Amino acid sequence: MEYEIEDILEGDKVYFELDHQNNYGHYWKVTGKRGNLIMVEIDELGHRGWTTVRLNDILYLERTSPLRA
């Protein structure tokens, strides 16, 4: 599924696929955006990390942001 940058808000969770970064089979929390880049972090089940993904790297979006009305 393809998403627009406007679909993704800080606090949402995304599931992505990258060659150089394992997503550990979990959704990562969105911490910020800049253009088509999305900053994400994970801190659960013993996994801790952060990275930046491109919009086209995102496979699934979980809309959990408290900013959603």
PDB file of N, CA and C in Angstrom:
ATOM      1  N   MET A   1       0.838  -1.177   0.000  1.00  0.00           N
ATOM      2  CA  MET A   1       0.000   0.000   0.000  1.00  0.00           C
ATOM      3  C   MET A   1       0.885   1.244   0.000  1.00  0.00           C
ATOM      4  N   GLU A   2       0.522   2.216  -0.779  1.00  0.00           N
ATOM      5  CA  GLU A   2       1.287   3.457  -0.813  1.00  0.00           C
ATOM      6  C   GLU A   2       0.611   4.506   0.043  1.00  0.00           C
ATOM      7  N   TYR A   3       1.415   5.287   0.732  1.00  0.00           N
ATOM      8  CA  TYR A   3       0.919   6.327   1.622  1.00  0.00           C
ATOM      9  C   TYR A   3       1.429   7.683   1.153  1.00  0.00           C
ATOM     10  N   GLU A   4       0.702   8.706   1.493  1.00  0.00           N
ATOM     11  CA  GLU A   4       1.139  10.079   1.299  1.00  0.00           C
ATOM     12  C   GLU A   4       1.754  10.543   2.613  1.00  0.00           C
ATOM     13  N   ILE A   5       2.678  11.492   2.558  1.00  0.00           N
ATOM     14  CA  ILE A   5       3.339  11.974   3.768  1.00  0.00           C
ATOM     15  C   ILE A   5       2.309  12.556   4.745  1.00  0.00           C
ATOM     16  N   GLU A   6       1.219  13.121   4.219  1.00  0.00           N
ATOM     17  CA  GLU A   6       0.180  13.690   5.071  1.00  0.00           C
ATOM     18  C   GLU A   6      -0.587  12.619   5.854  1.00  0.00           C
ATOM     19  N   ASP A   7      -0.526  11.355   5.396  1.00  0.00           N
ATOM     20  CA  ASP A   7      -1.202  10.255   6.080  1.00  0.00           C
ATOM     21  C   ASP A   7      -0.532   9.895   7.399  1.00  0.00           C
ATOM     22  N   ILE A   8       0.737  10.258   7.548  1.00  0.00           N
ATOM     23  CA  ILE A   8       1.547   9.807   8.668  1.00  0.00           C
ATOM     24  C   ILE A   8       1.780  10.969   9.630  1.00  0.00           C
ATOM     25  N   LEU A   9       1.416  10.746  10.898  1.00  0.00           N
ATOM     26  CA  LEU A   9       1.574  11.772  11.921  1.00  0.00           C
ATOM     27  C   LEU A   9       2.540  11.299  12.997  1.00  0.00           C
ATOM     28  N   GLU A  10       3.169  12.251  13.676  1.00  0.00           N
ATOM     29  CA  GLU A  10       4.028  11.922  14.804  1.00  0.00           C
ATOM     30  C   GLU A  10       3.190  11.166  15.836  1.00  0.00           C
ATOM     31  N   GLY A  11       3.707  10.042  16.297  1.00  0.00           N
ATOM     32  CA  GLY A  11       2.988   9.195  17.244  1.00  0.00           C
ATOM     33  C   GLY A  11       2.369   7.970  16.592  1.00  0.00           C
ATOM     34  N   ASP A  12       2.192   7.996  15.257  1.00  0.00           N
ATOM     35  CA  ASP A  12       1.727   6.808  14.547  1.00  0.00           C
ATOM     36  C   ASP A  12       2.817   5.746  14.602  1.00  0.00           C
ATOM     37  N   LYS A  13       2.468   4.538  14.193  1.00  0.00           N
ATOM     38  CA  LYS A  13       3.459   3.470  14.110  1.00  0.00           C
ATOM     39  C   LYS A  13       3.507   2.963  12.684  1.00  0.00           C
ATOM     40  N   VAL A  14       4.713   2.661  12.208  1.00  0.00           N
ATOM     41  CA  VAL A  14       4.899   2.183  10.847  1.00  0.00           C
ATOM     42  C   VAL A  14       5.695   0.886  10.841  1.00  0.00           C
ATOM     43  N   TYR A  15       5.408   0.064   9.855  1.00  0.00           N
ATOM     44  CA  TYR A  15       6.146  -1.169   9.607  1.00  0.00           C
ATOM     45  C   TYR A  15       6.832  -0.980   8.272  1.00  0.00           C
ATOM     46  N   PHE A  16       8.135  -1.177   8.231  1.00  0.00           N
ATOM     47  CA  PHE A  16       8.902  -0.863   7.035  1.00  0.00           C
ATOM     48  C   PHE A  16       9.827  -2.011   6.672  1.00  0.00           C
ATOM     49  N   GLU A  17      10.421  -1.896   5.496  1.00  0.00           N
ATOM     50  CA  GLU A  17      11.417  -2.872   5.052  1.00  0.00           C
ATOM     51  C   GLU A  17      12.606  -2.122   4.464  1.00  0.00           C
ATOM     52  N   LEU A  18      13.764  -2.350   5.056  1.00  0.00           N
ATOM     53  CA  LEU A  18      15.024  -1.777   4.586  1.00  0.00           C
ATOM     54  C   LEU A  18      16.059  -2.881   4.479  1.00  0.00           C
ATOM     55  N   ASP A  19      17.000  -2.740   3.560  1.00  0.00           N
ATOM     56  CA  ASP A  19      18.074  -3.723   3.443  1.00  0.00           C
ATOM     57  C   ASP A  19      19.070  -3.607   4.586  1.00  0.00           C
ATOM     58  N   HIS A  20      19.320  -2.393   5.078  1.00  0.00           N
ATOM     59  CA  HIS A  20      20.378  -2.166   6.061  1.00  0.00           C
ATOM     60  C   HIS A  20      19.890  -2.076   7.506  1.00  0.00           C
ATOM     61  N   GLN A  21      18.569  -2.173   7.759  1.00  0.00           N
ATOM     62  CA  GLN A  21      18.045  -2.045   9.128  1.00  0.00           C
ATOM     63  C   GLN A  21      16.940  -3.067   9.340  1.00  0.00           C
ATOM     64  N   ASN A  22      17.097  -3.891  10.365  1.00  0.00           N
ATOM     65  CA  ASN A  22      16.084  -4.866  10.736  1.00  0.00           C
ATOM     66  C   ASN A  22      14.956  -4.138  11.462  1.00  0.00           C
ATOM     67  N   ASN A  23      13.705  -4.451  11.148  1.00  0.00           N
ATOM     68  CA  ASN A  23      12.596  -3.838  11.875  1.00  0.00           C
ATOM     69  C   ASN A  23      12.158  -4.712  13.049  1.00  0.00           C
ATOM     70  N   TYR A  24      12.822  -5.834  13.270  1.00  0.00           N
ATOM     71  CA  TYR A  24      12.587  -6.759  14.374  1.00  0.00           C
ATOM     72  C   TYR A  24      11.162  -7.306  14.384  1.00  0.00           C
ATOM     73  N   GLY A  25      10.459  -7.204  13.261  1.00  0.00           N
ATOM     74  CA  GLY A  25       9.097  -7.709  13.196  1.00  0.00           C
ATOM     75  C   GLY A  25       8.102  -6.864  13.964  1.00  0.00           C
ATOM     76  N   HIS A  26       8.450  -5.615  14.231  1.00  0.00           N
ATOM     77  CA  HIS A  26       7.583  -4.729  15.019  1.00  0.00           C
ATOM     78  C   HIS A  26       7.307  -3.432  14.271  1.00  0.00           C
ATOM     79  N   TYR A  27       6.226  -2.793  14.678  1.00  0.00           N
ATOM     80  CA  TYR A  27       5.948  -1.432  14.220  1.00  0.00           C
ATOM     81  C   TYR A  27       6.833  -0.468  15.003  1.00  0.00           C
ATOM     82  N   TRP A  28       7.311   0.581  14.347  1.00  0.00           N
ATOM     83  CA  TRP A  28       8.157   1.593  14.971  1.00  0.00           C
ATOM     84  C   TRP A  28       7.369   2.893  15.094  1.00  0.00           C
ATOM     85  N   LYS A  29       7.590   3.621  16.173  1.00  0.00           N
ATOM     86  CA  LYS A  29       6.878   4.869  16.430  1.00  0.00           C
ATOM     87  C   LYS A  29       7.497   6.022  15.641  1.00  0.00           C
ATOM     88  N   VAL A  30       6.647   6.818  15.002  1.00  0.00           N
ATOM     89  CA  VAL A  30       7.087   7.987  14.248  1.00  0.00           C
ATOM     90  C   VAL A  30       7.398   9.115  15.232  1.00  0.00           C
ATOM     91  N   THR A  31       8.621   9.652  15.131  1.00  0.00           N
ATOM     92  CA  THR A  31       9.027  10.734  16.030  1.00  0.00           C
ATOM     93  C   THR A  31       9.160  12.069  15.311  1.00  0.00           C
ATOM     94  N   GLY A  32       9.109  12.066  13.974  1.00  0.00           N
ATOM     95  CA  GLY A  32       9.211  13.311  13.230  1.00  0.00           C
ATOM     96  C   GLY A  32       9.219  13.056  11.739  1.00  0.00           C
ATOM     97  N   LYS A  33       9.103  14.140  10.977  1.00  0.00           N
ATOM     98  CA  LYS A  33       9.120  14.056   9.510  1.00  0.00           C
ATOM     99  C   LYS A  33       9.892  15.248   8.967  1.00  0.00           C
ATOM    100  N   ARG A  34      10.528  15.036   7.833  1.00  0.00           N
ATOM    101  CA  ARG A  34      11.204  16.109   7.105  1.00  0.00           C
ATOM    102  C   ARG A  34      11.124  15.753   5.628  1.00  0.00           C
ATOM    103  N   GLY A  35      10.291  16.487   4.891  1.00  0.00           N
ATOM    104  CA  GLY A  35      10.071  16.150   3.492  1.00  0.00           C
ATOM    105  C   GLY A  35       9.432  14.779   3.393  1.00  0.00           C
ATOM    106  N   ASN A  36      10.027  13.875   2.607  1.00  0.00           N
ATOM    107  CA  ASN A  36       9.535  12.495   2.506  1.00  0.00           C
ATOM    108  C   ASN A  36      10.307  11.538   3.402  1.00  0.00           C
ATOM    109  N   LEU A  37      11.070  12.079   4.353  1.00  0.00           N
ATOM    110  CA  LEU A  37      11.798  11.254   5.318  1.00  0.00           C
ATOM    111  C   LEU A  37      11.017  11.206   6.628  1.00  0.00           C
ATOM    112  N   ILE A  38      11.000  10.034   7.238  1.00  0.00           N
ATOM    113  CA  ILE A  38      10.260   9.826   8.475  1.00  0.00           C
ATOM    114  C   ILE A  38      11.223   9.264   9.509  1.00  0.00           C
ATOM    115  N   MET A  39      11.325   9.958  10.649  1.00  0.00           N
ATOM    116  CA  MET A  39      12.174   9.498  11.737  1.00  0.00           C
ATOM    117  C   MET A  39      11.351   8.572  12.632  1.00  0.00           C
ATOM    118  N   VAL A  40      11.921   7.406  12.931  1.00  0.00           N
ATOM    119  CA  VAL A  40      11.207   6.412  13.728  1.00  0.00           C
ATOM    120  C   VAL A  40      12.117   5.866  14.819  1.00  0.00           C
ATOM    121  N   GLU A  41      11.477   5.331  15.869  1.00  0.00           N
ATOM    122  CA  GLU A  41      12.229   4.695  16.956  1.00  0.00           C
ATOM    123  C   GLU A  41      11.459   3.494  17.466  1.00  0.00           C
ATOM    124  N   ILE A  42      12.192   2.605  18.107  1.00  0.00           N
ATOM    125  CA  ILE A  42      11.586   1.438  18.742  1.00  0.00           C
ATOM    126  C   ILE A  42      12.233   1.271  20.109  1.00  0.00           C
ATOM    127  N   ASP A  43      11.408   0.893  21.072  1.00  0.00           N
ATOM    128  CA  ASP A  43      11.886   0.590  22.420  1.00  0.00           C
ATOM    129  C   ASP A  43      10.896  -0.378  23.047  1.00  0.00           C
ATOM    130  N   GLU A  44      10.971  -1.635  22.620  1.00  0.00           N
ATOM    131  CA  GLU A  44      10.067  -2.641  23.162  1.00  0.00           C
ATOM    132  C   GLU A  44      10.654  -4.032  22.989  1.00  0.00           C
ATOM    133  N   LEU A  45      10.291  -4.899  23.891  1.00  0.00           N
ATOM    134  CA  LEU A  45      10.695  -6.303  23.863  1.00  0.00           C
ATOM    135  C   LEU A  45      12.198  -6.482  23.690  1.00  0.00           C
ATOM    136  N   GLY A  46      12.973  -5.636  24.341  1.00  0.00           N
ATOM    137  CA  GLY A  46      14.425  -5.749  24.288  1.00  0.00           C
ATOM    138  C   GLY A  46      15.072  -5.137  23.067  1.00  0.00           C
ATOM    139  N   HIS A  47      14.295  -4.581  22.185  1.00  0.00           N
ATOM    140  CA  HIS A  47      14.827  -3.919  20.998  1.00  0.00           C
ATOM    141  C   HIS A  47      14.773  -2.414  21.210  1.00  0.00           C
ATOM    142  N   ARG A  48      15.888  -1.746  20.948  1.00  0.00           N
ATOM    143  CA  ARG A  48      15.947  -0.299  21.068  1.00  0.00           C
ATOM    144  C   ARG A  48      16.746   0.241  19.885  1.00  0.00           C
ATOM    145  N   GLY A  49      16.167   1.203  19.199  1.00  0.00           N
ATOM    146  CA  GLY A  49      16.872   1.766  18.066  1.00  0.00           C
ATOM    147  C   GLY A  49      16.109   2.909  17.455  1.00  0.00           C
ATOM    148  N   TRP A  50      16.735   3.552  16.507  1.00  0.00           N
ATOM    149  CA  TRP A  50      16.123   4.650  15.763  1.00  0.00           C
ATOM    150  C   TRP A  50      16.754   4.689  14.389  1.00  0.00           C
ATOM    151  N   THR A  51      15.998   5.169  13.450  1.00  0.00           N
ATOM    152  CA  THR A  51      16.477   5.288  12.079  1.00  0.00           C
ATOM    153  C   THR A  51      15.573   6.249  11.332  1.00  0.00           C
ATOM    154  N   THR A  52      15.919   6.511  10.098  1.00  0.00           N
ATOM    155  CA  THR A  52      15.107   7.324   9.204  1.00  0.00           C
ATOM    156  C   THR A  52      14.724   6.468   8.011  1.00  0.00           C
ATOM    157  N   VAL A  53      13.453   6.506   7.651  1.00  0.00           N
ATOM    158  CA  VAL A  53      12.973   5.739   6.507  1.00  0.00           C
ATOM    159  C   VAL A  53      12.352   6.693   5.491  1.00  0.00           C
ATOM    160  N   ARG A  54      12.340   6.257   4.250  1.00  0.00           N
ATOM    161  CA  ARG A  54      11.674   7.030   3.202  1.00  0.00           C
ATOM    162  C   ARG A  54      10.215   6.599   3.137  1.00  0.00           C
ATOM    163  N   LEU A  55       9.403   7.445   2.622  1.00  0.00           N
ATOM    164  CA  LEU A  55       7.974   7.174   2.518  1.00  0.00           C
ATOM    165  C   LEU A  55       7.713   5.857   1.784  1.00  0.00           C
ATOM    166  N   ASN A  56       8.466   5.584   0.723  1.00  0.00           N
ATOM    167  CA  ASN A  56       8.227   4.351  -0.048  1.00  0.00           C
ATOM    168  C   ASN A  56       8.759   3.092   0.630  1.00  0.00           C
ATOM    169  N   ASP A  57       9.454   3.213   1.785  1.00  0.00           N
ATOM    170  CA  ASP A  57       9.907   2.049   2.547  1.00  0.00           C
ATOM    171  C   ASP A  57       8.810   1.501   3.458  1.00  0.00           C
ATOM    172  N   ILE A  58       7.756   2.280   3.664  1.00  0.00           N
ATOM    173  CA  ILE A  58       6.705   1.906   4.612  1.00  0.00           C
ATOM    174  C   ILE A  58       5.739   0.932   3.960  1.00  0.00           C
ATOM    175  N   LEU A  59       5.543  -0.200   4.644  1.00  0.00           N
ATOM    176  CA  LEU A  59       4.621  -1.217   4.157  1.00  0.00           C
ATOM    177  C   LEU A  59       3.245  -1.070   4.789  1.00  0.00           C
ATOM    178  N   TYR A  60       3.193  -0.751   6.083  1.00  0.00           N
ATOM    179  CA  TYR A  60       1.933  -0.646   6.813  1.00  0.00           C
ATOM    180  C   TYR A  60       1.989   0.524   7.774  1.00  0.00           C
ATOM    181  N   LEU A  61       0.837   1.126   8.001  1.00  0.00           N
ATOM    182  CA  LEU A  61       0.694   2.252   8.911  1.00  0.00           C
ATOM    183  C   LEU A  61      -0.354   1.915   9.954  1.00  0.00           C
ATOM    184  N   GLU A  62      -0.016   2.087  11.225  1.00  0.00           N
ATOM    185  CA  GLU A  62      -0.965   1.936  12.325  1.00  0.00           C
ATOM    186  C   GLU A  62      -1.233   3.341  12.851  1.00  0.00           C
ATOM    187  N   ARG A  63      -2.430   3.819  12.657  1.00  0.00           N
ATOM    188  CA  ARG A  63      -2.798   5.199  13.006  1.00  0.00           C
ATOM    189  C   ARG A  63      -3.104   5.281  14.504  1.00  0.00           C
ATOM    190  N   THR A  64      -2.082   5.598  15.284  1.00  0.00           N
ATOM    191  CA  THR A  64      -2.227   5.643  16.746  1.00  0.00           C
ATOM    192  C   THR A  64      -1.906   7.001  17.333  1.00  0.00           C
ATOM    193  N   SER A  65      -1.622   7.988  16.491  1.00  0.00           N
ATOM    194  CA  SER A  65      -1.219   9.295  16.974  1.00  0.00           C
ATOM    195  C   SER A  65      -2.323   9.961  17.775  1.00  0.00           C
ATOM    196  N   PRO A  66      -1.982  10.536  18.928  1.00  0.00           N
ATOM    197  CA  PRO A  66      -2.988  11.304  19.688  1.00  0.00           C
ATOM    198  C   PRO A  66      -3.367  12.609  18.967  1.00  0.00           C
ATOM    199  N   LEU A  67      -2.631  12.972  17.900  1.00  0.00           N
ATOM    200  CA  LEU A  67      -2.928  14.180  17.145  1.00  0.00           C
ATOM    201  C   LEU A  67      -4.097  13.989  16.181  1.00  0.00           C
ATOM    202  N   ARG A  68      -4.552  12.758  16.003  1.00  0.00           N
ATOM    203  CA  ARG A  68      -5.684  12.494  15.104  1.00  0.00           C
ATOM    204  C   ARG A  68      -6.979  12.915  15.781  1.00  0.00           C
ATOM    205  N   ALA A  69      -7.816  13.602  15.038  1.00  0.00           N
ATOM    206  CA  ALA A  69      -9.110  14.049  15.602  1.00  0.00           C
ATOM    207  C   ALA A  69     -10.204  13.060  15.297  1.00  0.00           C
TER     208      ALA A  69
END
